[in-house]
PDB file of N, CA and C in Angstrom:
ATOM      1  N   UNK A   1      -2.004  -9.044  -0.823  1.00  0.00           N
ATOM      2  CA  UNK A   1      -1.552  -7.638  -1.010  1.00  0.00           C
ATOM      3  C   UNK A   1      -2.763  -6.706  -0.940  1.00  0.00           C
ATOM      4  N   UNK A   2      -3.912  -7.093  -1.410  1.00  0.00           N
ATOM      5  CA  UNK A   2      -5.096  -6.306  -1.419  1.00  0.00           C
ATOM      6  C   UNK A   2      -5.483  -6.022   0.022  1.00  0.00           C
ATOM      7  N   UNK A   3      -5.332  -6.949   0.948  1.00  0.00           N
ATOM      8  CA  UNK A   3      -5.718  -6.741   2.342  1.00  0.00           C
ATOM      9  C   UNK A   3      -4.823  -5.583   2.972  1.00  0.00           C
ATOM     10  N   UNK A   4      -3.566  -5.624   2.542  1.00  0.00           N
ATOM     11  CA  UNK A   4      -2.598  -4.649   3.150  1.00  0.00           C
ATOM     12  C   UNK A   4      -2.998  -3.277   2.697  1.00  0.00           C
ATOM     13  N   UNK A   5      -3.307  -3.168   1.393  1.00  0.00           N
ATOM     14  CA  UNK A   5      -3.784  -1.906   0.878  1.00  0.00           C
ATOM     15  C   UNK A   5      -5.029  -1.335   1.454  1.00  0.00           C
ATOM     16  N   UNK A   6      -5.988  -2.259   1.613  1.00  0.00           N
ATOM     17  CA  UNK A   6      -7.300  -1.855   2.261  1.00  0.00           C
ATOM     18  C   UNK A   6      -7.102  -1.407   3.614  1.00  0.00           C
ATOM     19  N   UNK A   7      -6.267  -2.199   4.307  1.00  0.00           N
ATOM     20  CA  UNK A   7      -6.059  -1.867   5.752  1.00  0.00           C
ATOM     21  C   UNK A   7      -5.291  -0.515   5.869  1.00  0.00           C
ATOM     22  N   UNK A   8      -4.274  -0.268   5.046  1.00  0.00           N
ATOM     23  CA  UNK A   8      -3.586   0.995   5.041  1.00  0.00           C
ATOM     24  C   UNK A   8      -4.490   2.126   4.667  1.00  0.00           C
ATOM     25  N   UNK A   9      -5.222   2.009   3.676  1.00  0.00           N
ATOM     26  CA  UNK A   9      -6.195   3.082   3.247  1.00  0.00           C
ATOM     27  C   UNK A   9      -7.266   3.362   4.315  1.00  0.00           C
ATOM     28  N   UNK A  10      -7.751   2.328   5.029  1.00  0.00           N
ATOM     29  CA  UNK A  10      -8.686   2.575   6.093  1.00  0.00           C
ATOM     30  C   UNK A  10      -8.100   3.253   7.237  1.00  0.00           C
ATOM     31  N   UNK A  11      -6.908   2.943   7.640  1.00  0.00           N
ATOM     32  CA  UNK A  11      -6.200   3.543   8.796  1.00  0.00           C
ATOM     33  C   UNK A  11      -5.893   5.050   8.434  1.00  0.00           C
ATOM     34  N   UNK A  12      -5.402   5.294   7.293  1.00  0.00           N
ATOM     35  CA  UNK A  12      -5.042   6.617   6.869  1.00  0.00           C
ATOM     36  C   UNK A  12      -6.289   7.496   6.674  1.00  0.00           C
ATOM     37  N   UNK A  13      -7.348   6.997   6.105  1.00  0.00           N
ATOM     38  CA  UNK A  13      -8.608   7.736   5.963  1.00  0.00           C
ATOM     39  C   UNK A  13      -9.163   7.994   7.343  1.00  0.00           C
ATOM     40  N   UNK A  14      -9.000   7.091   8.245  1.00  0.00           N
ATOM     41  CA  UNK A  14      -9.481   7.434   9.588  1.00  0.00           C
ATOM     42  C   UNK A  14      -8.708   8.500  10.338  1.00  0.00           C
ATOM     43  N   UNK A  15      -7.540   8.806   9.777  1.00  0.00           N
ATOM     44  CA  UNK A  15      -6.662   9.902  10.278  1.00  0.00           C
ATOM     45  C   UNK A  15      -6.911  11.222   9.545  1.00  0.00           C
ATOM     46  N   UNK A  16      -7.869  11.144   8.499  1.00  0.00           N
ATOM     47  CA  UNK A  16      -8.191  12.361   7.849  1.00  0.00           C
ATOM     48  C   UNK A  16      -7.667  12.488   6.479  1.00  0.00           C
ATOM     49  N   UNK A  17      -6.942  11.541   6.008  1.00  0.00           N
ATOM     50  CA  UNK A  17      -6.310  11.617   4.596  1.00  0.00           C
ATOM     51  C   UNK A  17      -7.383  11.204   3.598  1.00  0.00           C
ATOM     52  N   UNK A  18      -7.321  11.716   2.442  1.00  0.00           N
ATOM     53  CA  UNK A  18      -8.133  11.280   1.336  1.00  0.00           C
ATOM     54  C   UNK A  18      -7.321  10.147   0.570  1.00  0.00           C
ATOM     55  N   UNK A  19      -8.056   9.376  -0.254  1.00  0.00           N
ATOM     56  CA  UNK A  19      -7.399   8.296  -0.967  1.00  0.00           C
ATOM     57  C   UNK A  19      -6.412   8.905  -1.970  1.00  0.00           C
ATOM     58  N   UNK A  20      -6.588  10.196  -2.412  1.00  0.00           N
ATOM     59  CA  UNK A  20      -5.617  10.816  -3.339  1.00  0.00           C
ATOM     60  C   UNK A  20      -4.370  11.144  -2.591  1.00  0.00           C
ATOM     61  N   UNK A  21      -4.437  11.442  -1.326  1.00  0.00           N
ATOM     62  CA  UNK A  21      -3.251  11.852  -0.596  1.00  0.00           C
ATOM     63  C   UNK A  21      -2.301  10.710  -0.198  1.00  0.00           C
ATOM     64  N   UNK A  22      -2.833   9.435  -0.121  1.00  0.00           N
ATOM     65  CA  UNK A  22      -2.139   8.332   0.299  1.00  0.00           C
ATOM     66  C   UNK A  22      -0.910   8.033  -0.554  1.00  0.00           C
ATOM     67  N   UNK A  23      -0.944   8.034  -1.869  1.00  0.00           N
ATOM     68  CA  UNK A  23       0.230   7.860  -2.707  1.00  0.00           C
ATOM     69  C   UNK A  23       1.331   8.942  -2.445  1.00  0.00           C
ATOM     70  N   UNK A  24       0.894  10.244  -2.138  1.00  0.00           N
ATOM     71  CA  UNK A  24       1.808  11.263  -1.937  1.00  0.00           C
ATOM     72  C   UNK A  24       2.556  11.018  -0.557  1.00  0.00           C
ATOM     73  N   UNK A  25       1.793  10.545   0.427  1.00  0.00           N
ATOM     74  CA  UNK A  25       2.378  10.242   1.669  1.00  0.00           C
ATOM     75  C   UNK A  25       3.408   9.093   1.570  1.00  0.00           C
ATOM     76  N   UNK A  26       3.051   8.038   0.866  1.00  0.00           N
ATOM     77  CA  UNK A  26       3.900   6.898   0.626  1.00  0.00           C
ATOM     78  C   UNK A  26       5.195   7.398  -0.130  1.00  0.00           C
ATOM     79  N   UNK A  27       5.049   8.269  -1.084  1.00  0.00           N
ATOM     80  CA  UNK A  27       6.243   8.789  -1.802  1.00  0.00           C
ATOM     81  C   UNK A  27       7.081   9.600  -0.865  1.00  0.00           C
ATOM     82  N   UNK A  28       6.503  10.370   0.077  1.00  0.00           N
ATOM     83  CA  UNK A  28       7.332  11.123   0.980  1.00  0.00           C
ATOM     84  C   UNK A  28       8.034  10.207   1.992  1.00  0.00           C
ATOM     85  N   UNK A  29       7.297   9.181   2.464  1.00  0.00           N
ATOM     86  CA  UNK A  29       7.933   8.233   3.361  1.00  0.00           C
ATOM     87  C   UNK A  29       9.111   7.472   2.640  1.00  0.00           C
ATOM     88  N   UNK A  30       8.896   7.076   1.385  1.00  0.00           N
ATOM     89  CA  UNK A  30       9.905   6.408   0.670  1.00  0.00           C
ATOM     90  C   UNK A  30      11.154   7.257   0.523  1.00  0.00           C
ATOM     91  N   UNK A  31      10.924   8.529   0.094  1.00  0.00           N
ATOM     92  CA  UNK A  31      11.981   9.468  -0.111  1.00  0.00           C
ATOM     93  C   UNK A  31      12.747   9.718   1.202  1.00  0.00           C
ATOM     94  N   UNK A  32      12.100   9.758   2.307  1.00  0.00           N
ATOM     95  CA  UNK A  32      12.745   9.986   3.569  1.00  0.00           C
ATOM     96  C   UNK A  32      13.588   8.768   3.954  1.00  0.00           C
ATOM     97  N   UNK A  33      13.074   7.595   3.710  1.00  0.00           N
ATOM     98  CA  UNK A  33      13.713   6.358   4.034  1.00  0.00           C
ATOM     99  C   UNK A  33      14.998   6.273   3.135  1.00  0.00           C
ATOM    100  N   UNK A  34      14.902   6.601   1.856  1.00  0.00           N
ATOM    101  CA  UNK A  34      15.974   6.567   0.946  1.00  0.00           C
ATOM    102  C   UNK A  34      17.145   7.448   1.322  1.00  0.00           C
ATOM    103  N   UNK A  35      16.790   8.611   1.984  1.00  0.00           N
ATOM    104  CA  UNK A  35      17.781   9.604   2.350  1.00  0.00           C
ATOM    105  C   UNK A  35      18.462   9.358   3.689  1.00  0.00           C
ATOM    106  N   UNK A  36      18.028   8.374   4.434  1.00  0.00           N
ATOM    107  CA  UNK A  36      18.510   8.043   5.759  1.00  0.00           C
ATOM    108  C   UNK A  36      18.764   6.519   5.834  1.00  0.00           C
ATOM    109  N   UNK A  37      19.942   6.173   6.317  1.00  0.00           N
ATOM    110  CA  UNK A  37      20.175   4.718   6.406  1.00  0.00           C
ATOM    111  C   UNK A  37      19.570   4.246   7.721  1.00  0.00           C
ATOM    112  N   UNK A  38      19.400   5.107   8.730  1.00  0.00           N
ATOM    113  CA  UNK A  38      18.869   4.766  10.001  1.00  0.00           C
ATOM    114  C   UNK A  38      17.678   5.702  10.237  1.00  0.00           C
ATOM    115  N   UNK A  39      16.624   5.164  10.779  1.00  0.00           N
ATOM    116  CA  UNK A  39      15.433   6.085  11.105  1.00  0.00           C
ATOM    117  C   UNK A  39      14.708   5.570  12.239  1.00  0.00           C
ATOM    118  N   UNK A  40      13.951   6.385  12.894  1.00  0.00           N
ATOM    119  CA  UNK A  40      13.042   5.907  13.958  1.00  0.00           C
ATOM    120  C   UNK A  40      11.619   6.480  13.511  1.00  0.00           C
ATOM    121  N   UNK A  41      10.612   5.953  14.109  1.00  0.00           N
ATOM    122  CA  UNK A  41       9.244   6.384  13.788  1.00  0.00           C
ATOM    123  C   UNK A  41       9.053   7.827  14.146  1.00  0.00           C
ATOM    124  N   UNK A  42       9.744   8.261  15.254  1.00  0.00           N
ATOM    125  CA  UNK A  42       9.712   9.653  15.675  1.00  0.00           C
ATOM    126  C   UNK A  42      10.365  10.562  14.615  1.00  0.00           C
ATOM    127  N   UNK A  43      11.575  10.225  14.136  1.00  0.00           N
ATOM    128  CA  UNK A  43      12.226  10.940  13.039  1.00  0.00           C
ATOM    129  C   UNK A  43      11.379  11.056  11.795  1.00  0.00           C
ATOM    130  N   UNK A  44      10.816   9.929  11.476  1.00  0.00           N
ATOM    131  CA  UNK A  44       9.974   9.835  10.236  1.00  0.00           C
ATOM    132  C   UNK A  44       8.832  10.745  10.417  1.00  0.00           C
ATOM    133  N   UNK A  45       8.096  10.766  11.511  1.00  0.00           N
ATOM    134  CA  UNK A  45       7.069  11.651  11.774  1.00  0.00           C
ATOM    135  C   UNK A  45       7.458  13.093  11.733  1.00  0.00           C
ATOM    136  N   UNK A  46       8.633  13.381  12.345  1.00  0.00           N
ATOM    137  CA  UNK A  46       9.153  14.728  12.321  1.00  0.00           C
ATOM    138  C   UNK A  46       9.379  15.244  10.891  1.00  0.00           C
ATOM    139  N   UNK A  47      10.034  14.406  10.178  1.00  0.00           N
ATOM    140  CA  UNK A  47      10.289  14.797   8.670  1.00  0.00           C
ATOM    141  C   UNK A  47       9.018  15.003   7.913  1.00  0.00           C
ATOM    142  N   UNK A  48       8.061  14.059   8.148  1.00  0.00           N
ATOM    143  CA  UNK A  48       6.785  14.236   7.394  1.00  0.00           C
ATOM    144  C   UNK A  48       6.032  15.533   7.883  1.00  0.00           C
ATOM    145  N   UNK A  49       6.164  15.864   9.096  1.00  0.00           N
ATOM    146  CA  UNK A  49       5.598  17.165   9.634  1.00  0.00           C
ATOM    147  C   UNK A  49       6.237  18.315   8.979  1.00  0.00           C
ATOM    148  N   UNK A  50       7.592  18.244   8.858  1.00  0.00           N
ATOM    149  CA  UNK A  50       8.236  19.407   8.161  1.00  0.00           C
ATOM    150  C   UNK A  50       7.861  19.522   6.741  1.00  0.00           C
ATOM    151  N   UNK A  51       7.370  18.465   6.147  1.00  0.00           N
ATOM    152  CA  UNK A  51       6.899  18.506   4.750  1.00  0.00           C
ATOM    153  C   UNK A  51       5.461  18.880   4.637  1.00  0.00           C
ATOM    154  N   UNK A  52       4.792  19.187   5.730  1.00  0.00           N
ATOM    155  CA  UNK A  52       3.380  19.641   5.798  1.00  0.00           C
ATOM    156  C   UNK A  52       2.305  18.613   6.143  1.00  0.00           C
ATOM    157  N   UNK A  53       2.792  17.461   6.530  1.00  0.00           N
ATOM    158  CA  UNK A  53       1.801  16.421   6.968  1.00  0.00           C
ATOM    159  C   UNK A  53       1.535  16.646   8.464  1.00  0.00           C
ATOM    160  N   UNK A  54       0.416  16.115   8.839  1.00  0.00           N
ATOM    161  CA  UNK A  54      -0.044  16.213  10.276  1.00  0.00           C
ATOM    162  C   UNK A  54       0.997  15.616  11.215  1.00  0.00           C
ATOM    163  N   UNK A  55       1.224  16.210  12.410  1.00  0.00           N
ATOM    164  CA  UNK A  55       2.139  15.712  13.366  1.00  0.00           C
ATOM    165  C   UNK A  55       1.731  14.277  13.753  1.00  0.00           C
ATOM    166  N   UNK A  56       2.705  13.407  13.927  1.00  0.00           N
ATOM    167  CA  UNK A  56       2.577  12.066  14.463  1.00  0.00           C
ATOM    168  C   UNK A  56       1.480  11.302  13.621  1.00  0.00           C
ATOM    169  N   UNK A  57       1.521  11.489  12.325  1.00  0.00           N
ATOM    170  CA  UNK A  57       0.531  10.820  11.404  1.00  0.00           C
ATOM    171  C   UNK A  57       0.771   9.330  11.439  1.00  0.00           C
ATOM    172  N   UNK A  58       2.025   8.912  11.388  1.00  0.00           N
ATOM    173  CA  UNK A  58       2.249   7.438  11.344  1.00  0.00           C
ATOM    174  C   UNK A  58       2.356   6.822  12.766  1.00  0.00           C
ATOM    175  N   UNK A  59       1.838   5.570  12.821  1.00  0.00           N
ATOM    176  CA  UNK A  59       2.096   4.813  14.065  1.00  0.00           C
ATOM    177  C   UNK A  59       2.905   3.500  13.591  1.00  0.00           C
ATOM    178  N   UNK A  60       3.228   2.663  14.528  1.00  0.00           N
ATOM    179  CA  UNK A  60       4.067   1.498  14.034  1.00  0.00           C
ATOM    180  C   UNK A  60       3.332   0.638  13.086  1.00  0.00           C
ATOM    181  N   UNK A  61       2.056   0.492  13.220  1.00  0.00           N
ATOM    182  CA  UNK A  61       1.226  -0.421  12.336  1.00  0.00           C
ATOM    183  C   UNK A  61       1.046   0.172  10.915  1.00  0.00           C
ATOM    184  N   UNK A  62       0.857   1.479  10.841  1.00  0.00           N
ATOM    185  CA  UNK A  62       0.778   2.155   9.568  1.00  0.00           C
ATOM    186  C   UNK A  62       2.137   1.973   8.787  1.00  0.00           C
ATOM    187  N   UNK A  63       3.161   2.235   9.575  1.00  0.00           N
ATOM    188  CA  UNK A  63       4.507   2.165   8.969  1.00  0.00           C
ATOM    189  C   UNK A  63       4.811   0.737   8.519  1.00  0.00           C
ATOM    190  N   UNK A  64       4.437  -0.325   9.322  1.00  0.00           N
ATOM    191  CA  UNK A  64       4.687  -1.686   8.871  1.00  0.00           C
ATOM    192  C   UNK A  64       3.902  -1.968   7.585  1.00  0.00           C
ATOM    193  N   UNK A  65       2.707  -1.478   7.483  1.00  0.00           N
ATOM    194  CA  UNK A  65       1.872  -1.680   6.238  1.00  0.00           C
ATOM    195  C   UNK A  65       2.593  -1.079   5.091  1.00  0.00           C
ATOM    196  N   UNK A  66       3.115   0.158   5.266  1.00  0.00           N
ATOM    197  CA  UNK A  66       3.756   0.853   4.156  1.00  0.00           C
ATOM    198  C   UNK A  66       5.050   0.158   3.756  1.00  0.00           C
ATOM    199  N   UNK A  67       5.769  -0.364   4.721  1.00  0.00           N
ATOM    200  CA  UNK A  67       6.935  -1.071   4.413  1.00  0.00           C
ATOM    201  C   UNK A  67       6.710  -2.314   3.680  1.00  0.00           C
ATOM    202  N   UNK A  68       5.595  -3.007   4.073  1.00  0.00           N
ATOM    203  CA  UNK A  68       5.180  -4.211   3.296  1.00  0.00           C
ATOM    204  C   UNK A  68       4.854  -3.916   1.845  1.00  0.00           C
ATOM    205  N   UNK A  69       4.145  -2.734   1.626  1.00  0.00           N
ATOM    206  CA  UNK A  69       3.884  -2.402   0.215  1.00  0.00           C
ATOM    207  C   UNK A  69       5.121  -2.083  -0.575  1.00  0.00           C
ATOM    208  N   UNK A  70       5.971  -1.254   0.115  1.00  0.00           N
ATOM    209  CA  UNK A  70       7.264  -0.880  -0.551  1.00  0.00           C
ATOM    210  C   UNK A  70       8.023  -2.084  -0.880  1.00  0.00           C
ATOM    211  N   UNK A  71       8.173  -2.997   0.014  1.00  0.00           N
ATOM    212  CA  UNK A  71       8.960  -4.221  -0.126  1.00  0.00           C
ATOM    213  C   UNK A  71       8.332  -5.135  -1.272  1.00  0.00           C
ATOM    214  N   UNK A  72       7.081  -5.266  -1.331  1.00  0.00           N
ATOM    215  CA  UNK A  72       6.455  -6.057  -2.309  1.00  0.00           C
ATOM    216  C   UNK A  72       6.667  -5.364  -3.675  1.00  0.00           C
ATOM    217  N   UNK A  73       6.625  -4.050  -3.724  1.00  0.00           N
ATOM    218  CA  UNK A  73       6.812  -3.334  -5.024  1.00  0.00           C
ATOM    219  C   UNK A  73       8.185  -3.535  -5.538  1.00  0.00           C
ATOM    220  N   UNK A  74       9.160  -3.554  -4.570  1.00  0.00           N
ATOM    221  CA  UNK A  74      10.591  -3.813  -5.021  1.00  0.00           C
ATOM    222  C   UNK A  74      10.779  -5.243  -5.595  1.00  0.00           C
ATOM    223  N   UNK A  75      10.110  -6.151  -4.948  1.00  0.00           N
ATOM    224  CA  UNK A  75      10.181  -7.493  -5.422  1.00  0.00           C
ATOM    225  C   UNK A  75       9.632  -7.750  -6.837  1.00  0.00           C
ATOM    226  N   UNK A  76       8.540  -6.971  -7.232  1.00  0.00           N
ATOM    227  CA  UNK A  76       7.869  -7.134  -8.460  1.00  0.00           C
ATOM    228  C   UNK A  76       8.403  -6.254  -9.546  1.00  0.00           C
ATOM    229  N   UNK A  77       9.134  -5.290  -9.176  1.00  0.00           N
ATOM    230  CA  UNK A  77       9.789  -4.332 -10.237  1.00  0.00           C
ATOM    231  C   UNK A  77      11.008  -4.991 -10.839  1.00  0.00           C
ATOM    232  N   UNK A  78      10.940  -5.140 -12.150  1.00  0.00           N
ATOM    233  CA  UNK A  78      12.127  -5.768 -12.807  1.00  0.00           C
ATOM    234  C   UNK A  78      13.358  -4.989 -12.571  1.00  0.00           C
ATOM    235  N   UNK A  79      14.457  -5.619 -12.236  1.00  0.00           N
ATOM    236  CA  UNK A  79      15.764  -4.970 -12.000  1.00  0.00           C
ATOM    237  C   UNK A  79      16.277  -4.361 -13.256  1.00  0.00           C
ATOM    238  N   UNK A  80      16.909  -3.239 -13.076  1.00  0.00           N
ATOM    239  CA  UNK A  80      17.464  -2.563 -14.279  1.00  0.00           C
ATOM    240  C   UNK A  80      16.656  -1.725 -15.137  1.00  0.00           C
ATOM    241  N   UNK A  81      15.277  -1.693 -14.759  1.00  0.00           N
ATOM    242  CA  UNK A  81      14.354  -0.838 -15.530  1.00  0.00           C
ATOM    243  C   UNK A  81      13.823   0.286 -14.645  1.00  0.00           C
ATOM    244  N   UNK A  82      13.675   1.399 -15.262  1.00  0.00           N
ATOM    245  CA  UNK A  82      13.178   2.553 -14.463  1.00  0.00           C
ATOM    246  C   UNK A  82      11.581   2.550 -14.643  1.00  0.00           C
ATOM    247  N   UNK A  83      10.974   2.760 -13.454  1.00  0.00           N
ATOM    248  CA  UNK A  83       9.553   2.785 -13.436  1.00  0.00           C
ATOM    249  C   UNK A  83       9.155   4.218 -13.247  1.00  0.00           C
ATOM    250  N   UNK A  84       8.165   4.684 -14.081  1.00  0.00           N
ATOM    251  CA  UNK A  84       7.691   6.134 -13.956  1.00  0.00           C
ATOM    252  C   UNK A  84       6.528   6.211 -13.151  1.00  0.00           C
TER     253      UNK A  84
END
């Protein structure tokens, strides 16, 4: 998991994000995914842009890394408990 996080941070920092902004971006991606049952990379980038993020911030590789993180987090979060 650490390799995924390091790779994601490196790619996003190379696109001008700070390490403090990455969790906000992941939150915005997750919120967008939760509100749409079907999405494309273009739609996701458009939605992020409308939220103030740089245009075309995500590429396929960055999105895959985020989805791996999100999926792993869902696997390790106990069901039935709210996480703050």
